[in-house]
Each structure stands twice: as C-alpha cells, then as structure tokens.
Amino acid sequence: MRDRFNDELKTAMKAGDKLRVATIRMINAGLKDKDIEARGQGRTVSDDDILVLLQKLVKSRQESAEIYEKAGRADLSTKEREEIAIIQSFLPQPLSPAETDAAITAAIAETGAASVKEMGKVIGLLKSKYAGRMDFAAASAAVKAKLAG
C-alpha cells in the first residue's frame, strides 16, 4: 500500500495536481506518525492499520466539511470534500448494506454470541475480516439490535 501512495504522489506531482499532492503527503505524514508509534511498541504498521488511518482521515474531513458548511464557508467545505474523494480512492470498496447485514449475521453465528454482553467478540471478528470496508459505528448498532432482539 505504501508503494501505491508513493506512485500516486509521483504521478500527481508530474501532473501538477497540487491538492492531490498535498493530500497524499498528509497521508504519508500520518503514516510516519503510525510508524513511530508502532516502533515504540515493537511492532510494524500493517495494511489494516493503514486502512484504519485512512478511515480516520476521512471521518475528520467529513466533520470539518460539515462545520465549514454551517459557518457558510462553502470554499473550505468543497476543499475538504475533494480531499475525502482522494483519500477514499485508496480505500477498498465498502460493503453494501445487504453485505454488511450478511457479514454481521455470519459473525454472530461464528462466535456463537447470544447476548449483548458478547457483542465485543462479534465486533472483533468483523474488524479482523472487514477492516476498511465496514462502518463499525453502524455495525455496532446493528449487532446490538440483533443480539438484543
């Protein structure tokens, strides 16, 4: 995945795409921070860690865009949304609602979870299988509803 960032950065630089260059550099800076943090813990940064980082970057950009829109700053909101599109181009295709529901049902069956108390097992399994492809906030609510009902 790191190679893809570097290749895309070179391509964007050659094309003179300043926003794409700045966004990819921001991703690389976040990745270096993760590397430093991981080195202190004696581990390396996996592709799943990179996907989580990208998701956090998207989420923070979405929050910023909403704040800018409420403040009447359409120009800044547009810039944030353009950055979101660039970051999302590195993420795998998210699961559809039907695929998410099927994955949750399968995870509940696989873990044998029978109550809300066992929700952590189900979410842990989903995170290990679908990192970067599932909205875990929504998935948590769905798992809770299935286990409670």
Protein backbone atom coordinates (compact mmCIF):
# COMPACT_ATOMS: atom_id res chain seq x y z
CA MET A 1 0.00 0.00 0.00
CA ARG A 2 2.88 2.34 0.76
CA ASP A 3 4.20 1.86 -2.76
CA ARG A 4 0.84 2.91 -4.15
CA PHE A 5 0.96 6.15 -2.12
CA ASN A 6 4.42 6.93 -3.46
CA ASP A 7 3.48 6.06 -7.05
CA GLU A 8 0.35 8.21 -6.84
CA LEU A 9 2.38 11.05 -5.31
CA LYS A 10 4.86 10.98 -8.21
CA THR A 11 2.03 10.92 -10.74
CA ALA A 12 0.25 13.83 -9.05
CA MET A 13 3.48 15.84 -8.90
CA LYS A 14 4.11 15.29 -12.61
CA ALA A 15 0.52 16.27 -13.40
CA GLY A 16 0.76 19.40 -11.23
CA ASP A 17 -2.25 18.35 -9.13
CA LYS A 18 -1.47 20.39 -6.00
CA LEU A 19 -4.45 19.22 -3.94
CA ARG A 20 -3.72 15.54 -4.64
CA VAL A 21 -0.02 16.07 -3.81
CA ALA A 22 -0.89 17.81 -0.53
CA THR A 23 -3.43 15.14 0.43
CA ILE A 24 -1.07 12.24 -0.27
CA ARG A 25 1.69 13.99 1.66
CA MET A 26 -0.73 14.36 4.57
CA ILE A 27 -1.46 10.62 4.38
CA ASN A 28 2.29 9.89 4.37
CA ALA A 29 2.80 12.15 7.40
CA GLY A 30 0.08 10.27 9.29
CA LEU A 31 1.71 7.02 8.26
CA LYS A 32 5.09 8.16 9.59
CA ASP A 33 3.43 9.00 12.91
CA LYS A 34 1.94 5.49 12.99
CA ASP A 35 5.39 4.01 12.19
CA ILE A 36 6.97 5.89 15.09
CA GLU A 37 4.17 4.84 17.45
CA ALA A 38 4.43 1.20 16.33
CA ARG A 39 8.22 1.14 16.62
CA GLY A 40 7.88 2.22 20.25
CA GLN A 41 5.64 -0.81 20.80
CA GLY A 42 7.99 -3.17 18.95
CA ARG A 43 5.68 -3.86 16.02
CA THR A 44 5.18 -2.77 12.42
CA VAL A 45 2.28 -0.99 10.76
CA SER A 46 0.07 -3.43 8.83
CA ASP A 47 -2.19 -2.71 5.86
CA ASP A 48 -5.15 -2.94 8.26
CA ASP A 49 -3.57 -0.17 10.38
CA ILE A 50 -3.21 1.92 7.23
CA LEU A 51 -6.88 1.37 6.36
CA VAL A 52 -7.90 2.49 9.86
CA LEU A 53 -5.73 5.61 9.46
CA LEU A 54 -7.38 6.42 6.12
CA GLN A 55 -10.84 5.98 7.62
CA LYS A 56 -9.97 8.35 10.47
CA LEU A 57 -8.72 10.93 7.97
CA VAL A 58 -11.97 10.66 6.00
CA LYS A 59 -14.06 11.00 9.16
CA SER A 60 -12.18 14.09 10.34
CA ARG A 61 -12.56 15.68 6.88
CA GLN A 62 -16.31 14.95 6.92
CA GLU A 63 -16.66 16.61 10.31
CA SER A 64 -14.65 19.63 9.14
CA ALA A 65 -16.73 19.94 5.95
CA GLU A 66 -19.93 19.98 7.98
CA ILE A 67 -18.56 22.66 10.30
CA TYR A 68 -17.47 24.79 7.33
CA GLU A 69 -20.90 24.43 5.72
CA LYS A 70 -22.64 25.57 8.91
CA ALA A 71 -20.26 28.53 9.07
CA GLY A 72 -21.07 29.47 5.48
CA ARG A 73 -17.60 28.63 4.14
CA ALA A 74 -18.51 26.65 1.02
CA ASP A 75 -14.98 27.08 -0.37
CA LEU A 76 -13.37 25.29 2.58
CA SER A 77 -16.12 22.67 2.68
CA THR A 78 -15.52 21.91 -1.02
CA LYS A 79 -11.78 21.51 -0.39
CA GLU A 80 -12.45 19.05 2.45
CA ARG A 81 -14.83 17.03 0.24
CA GLU A 82 -12.22 16.90 -2.54
CA GLU A 83 -9.67 15.58 -0.02
CA ILE A 84 -12.21 12.94 1.09
CA ALA A 85 -12.54 11.75 -2.51
CA ILE A 86 -8.76 11.45 -2.85
CA ILE A 87 -8.39 9.54 0.44
CA GLN A 88 -11.31 7.24 -0.43
CA SER A 89 -9.63 6.34 -3.71
CA PHE A 90 -7.12 4.36 -1.59
CA LEU A 91 -9.79 2.54 0.42
CA PRO A 92 -11.34 -0.74 -0.71
CA GLN A 93 -14.95 -0.70 -1.84
CA PRO A 94 -17.19 -0.54 1.26
CA LEU A 95 -19.69 -3.32 1.86
CA SER A 96 -23.26 -2.67 0.77
CA PRO A 97 -25.95 -2.63 3.47
CA ALA A 98 -27.02 -6.16 2.43
CA GLU A 99 -23.41 -7.42 2.56
CA THR A 100 -22.93 -5.77 5.95
CA ASP A 101 -26.08 -7.43 7.30
CA ALA A 102 -24.96 -10.82 5.98
CA ALA A 103 -21.48 -10.36 7.49
CA ILE A 104 -22.98 -9.47 10.88
CA THR A 105 -25.30 -12.50 10.81
CA ALA A 106 -22.38 -14.77 9.88
CA ALA A 107 -20.16 -13.28 12.60
CA ILE A 108 -22.84 -13.79 15.24
CA ALA A 109 -23.21 -17.42 14.15
CA GLU A 110 -19.43 -17.96 14.02
CA THR A 111 -18.82 -16.56 17.51
CA GLY A 112 -21.93 -18.15 18.99
CA ALA A 113 -22.85 -14.83 20.60
CA ALA A 114 -26.26 -14.98 22.26
CA SER A 115 -26.47 -11.73 24.22
CA VAL A 116 -25.37 -8.09 24.10
CA LYS A 117 -22.63 -8.99 26.61
CA GLU A 118 -20.87 -10.94 23.84
CA MET A 119 -21.02 -8.06 21.36
CA GLY A 120 -17.26 -7.46 21.67
CA LYS A 121 -16.49 -10.89 20.21
CA VAL A 122 -18.65 -10.20 17.17
CA ILE A 123 -17.21 -6.72 16.56
CA GLY A 124 -13.67 -8.07 16.98
CA LEU A 125 -14.31 -10.73 14.35
CA LEU A 126 -15.85 -8.19 11.98
CA LYS A 127 -12.88 -5.85 12.43
CA SER A 128 -10.43 -8.64 11.65
CA LYS A 129 -12.28 -9.60 8.47
CA TYR A 130 -13.63 -6.29 7.16
CA ALA A 131 -11.19 -3.57 8.23
CA GLY A 132 -11.54 -0.62 5.90
CA ARG A 133 -14.71 -1.95 4.30
CA MET A 134 -17.29 -1.53 7.05
CA ASP A 135 -18.60 1.39 9.12
CA PHE A 136 -18.10 -0.08 12.57
CA ALA A 137 -20.23 2.53 14.34
CA ALA A 138 -23.24 1.46 12.27
CA ALA A 139 -22.22 -2.20 12.52
CA SER A 140 -22.08 -1.97 16.33
CA ALA A 141 -25.63 -0.65 16.44
CA ALA A 142 -26.80 -3.42 14.10
CA VAL A 143 -25.03 -6.13 16.13
CA LYS A 144 -26.54 -4.77 19.34
CA ALA A 145 -30.01 -4.75 17.79
CA LYS A 146 -29.64 -8.33 16.55
CA LEU A 147 -28.33 -9.62 19.88
CA ALA A 148 -30.92 -7.72 21.93
CA GLY A 149 -33.82 -8.83 19.75
